[in-house]
C-alpha cells in the first residue's frame, strides 16, 4: 500500500510539473525589432502600438500600424518563427473598442 501511495504522489507531481510547463509561455525566437520589420513590410505606415502577447496559446507580436490618417492595420507576427499569422484592417472606432476590452480584461486578471 505504501508503494501505491508513493507512485500516486509521483504521478501527481509529474502531472503538476507538466501542466506548469505547458502554461508558461515559450520565449520568443525573434526580437521585437525583427517582428516590427516584418510587420512594416506587410503594412507600411507608422506603428502606433506594439506588444508581445499570448493569444490563443500562441506567442505573437501584435502591431497596430497607421496606414493612413483614418485606417489602422493590425499585424500579428509569430514570435517563434517570424511568420505573419493575421492581418486585420481596423478603423479608429473599432480600435478604441478593442483597447477598452483589453483594459477591462487586464483589470479582471488583477
Protein backbone atom coordinates (compact mmCIF):
# COMPACT_ATOMS: atom_id res chain seq x y z
CA UNK A 1 0.00 0.00 0.00
CA UNK A 2 2.88 2.33 0.81
CA UNK A 3 4.32 1.80 -2.70
CA UNK A 4 0.95 2.61 -4.26
CA UNK A 5 0.78 5.90 -2.32
CA UNK A 6 4.30 6.85 -3.39
CA UNK A 7 3.51 6.02 -7.03
CA UNK A 8 0.34 8.10 -6.86
CA UNK A 9 2.25 11.02 -5.36
CA UNK A 10 4.95 10.82 -8.05
CA UNK A 11 2.34 10.67 -10.81
CA UNK A 12 0.52 13.69 -9.38
CA UNK A 13 3.76 15.64 -9.07
CA UNK A 14 4.71 14.81 -12.66
CA UNK A 15 1.32 15.99 -13.89
CA UNK A 16 1.64 19.24 -11.94
CA UNK A 17 5.09 19.92 -13.42
CA UNK A 18 3.94 19.18 -16.98
CA UNK A 19 0.86 21.37 -16.54
CA UNK A 20 3.03 24.22 -15.25
CA UNK A 21 5.44 23.81 -18.16
CA UNK A 22 2.56 23.89 -20.64
CA UNK A 23 1.10 27.08 -19.17
CA UNK A 24 4.33 29.06 -19.09
CA UNK A 25 4.88 30.87 -22.36
CA UNK A 26 7.79 29.96 -24.57
CA UNK A 27 10.45 32.58 -25.08
CA UNK A 28 10.34 34.44 -28.39
CA UNK A 29 12.84 33.29 -31.01
CA UNK A 30 12.78 36.60 -32.85
CA UNK A 31 13.16 40.10 -31.41
CA UNK A 32 10.56 42.84 -31.32
CA UNK A 33 12.67 44.75 -33.86
CA UNK A 34 12.72 41.82 -36.28
CA UNK A 35 8.97 41.35 -35.93
CA UNK A 36 8.45 45.10 -36.43
CA UNK A 37 10.35 44.99 -39.74
CA UNK A 38 8.25 42.00 -40.89
CA UNK A 39 5.00 43.79 -39.95
CA UNK A 40 6.01 47.01 -41.71
CA UNK A 41 6.79 45.11 -44.92
CA UNK A 42 3.22 43.77 -44.84
CA UNK A 43 1.57 47.08 -43.89
CA UNK A 44 3.79 50.14 -44.43
CA UNK A 45 2.97 53.02 -42.11
CA UNK A 46 3.60 54.30 -38.60
CA UNK A 47 3.44 51.87 -35.67
CA UNK A 48 1.00 53.14 -33.03
CA UNK A 49 1.40 50.24 -30.58
CA UNK A 50 3.43 47.06 -30.26
CA UNK A 51 3.21 44.26 -27.74
CA UNK A 52 4.20 40.68 -27.13
CA UNK A 53 1.17 38.63 -26.15
CA UNK A 54 -0.07 35.10 -25.76
CA UNK A 55 -3.10 34.83 -27.98
CA UNK A 56 -4.97 31.52 -28.11
CA UNK A 57 -1.90 29.69 -26.81
CA UNK A 58 0.38 31.22 -29.42
CA UNK A 59 3.11 33.75 -28.62
CA UNK A 60 2.78 36.67 -31.01
CA UNK A 61 3.93 40.21 -31.55
CA UNK A 62 0.94 42.44 -32.27
CA UNK A 63 1.39 45.75 -34.10
CA UNK A 64 -1.19 48.44 -34.74
CA UNK A 65 0.03 50.35 -37.79
CA UNK A 66 -1.49 53.61 -39.04
CA UNK A 67 -1.56 53.01 -42.79
CA UNK A 68 -3.49 56.25 -43.47
CA UNK A 69 -4.90 59.06 -41.31
CA UNK A 70 -8.10 57.07 -40.65
CA UNK A 71 -7.02 53.45 -41.07
CA UNK A 72 -5.25 51.10 -38.68
CA UNK A 73 -3.94 47.71 -39.74
CA UNK A 74 -3.22 45.17 -37.03
CA UNK A 75 -0.45 42.74 -37.99
CA UNK A 76 0.32 39.72 -35.81
CA UNK A 77 3.71 38.06 -36.19
CA UNK A 78 4.51 34.64 -34.71
CA UNK A 79 7.23 35.24 -32.11
CA UNK A 80 8.71 31.79 -32.65
CA UNK A 81 9.14 31.71 -36.42
CA UNK A 82 8.54 35.26 -37.72
CA UNK A 83 5.60 34.33 -39.94
CA UNK A 84 2.61 36.63 -40.23
CA UNK A 85 -0.36 34.91 -38.60
CA UNK A 86 -3.05 37.59 -39.03
CA UNK A 87 -3.70 40.92 -40.71
CA UNK A 88 -6.80 42.94 -39.84
CA UNK A 89 -7.86 46.34 -41.10
CA UNK A 90 -9.48 48.45 -38.41
CA UNK A 91 -10.90 51.93 -38.07
CA UNK A 92 -10.49 54.30 -35.13
CA UNK A 93 -13.80 53.27 -33.52
CA UNK A 94 -13.00 49.56 -33.70
CA UNK A 95 -9.51 50.20 -32.33
CA UNK A 96 -10.91 52.20 -29.39
CA UNK A 97 -13.39 49.41 -28.58
CA UNK A 98 -10.60 46.82 -28.68
CA UNK A 99 -8.42 48.89 -26.32
CA UNK A 100 -11.35 49.28 -23.92
CA UNK A 101 -11.96 45.50 -23.93
CA UNK A 102 -8.24 44.77 -23.33
CA UNK A 103 -8.20 47.19 -20.37
CA UNK A 104 -11.29 45.51 -18.93
CA UNK A 105 -9.70 42.05 -19.28
CA UNK A 106 -6.47 43.21 -17.63
CA UNK A 107 -8.45 44.71 -14.73
CA UNK A 108 -10.26 41.45 -14.07
CA UNK A 109 -7.00 39.46 -14.06
CA UNK A 110 -5.59 41.50 -11.18
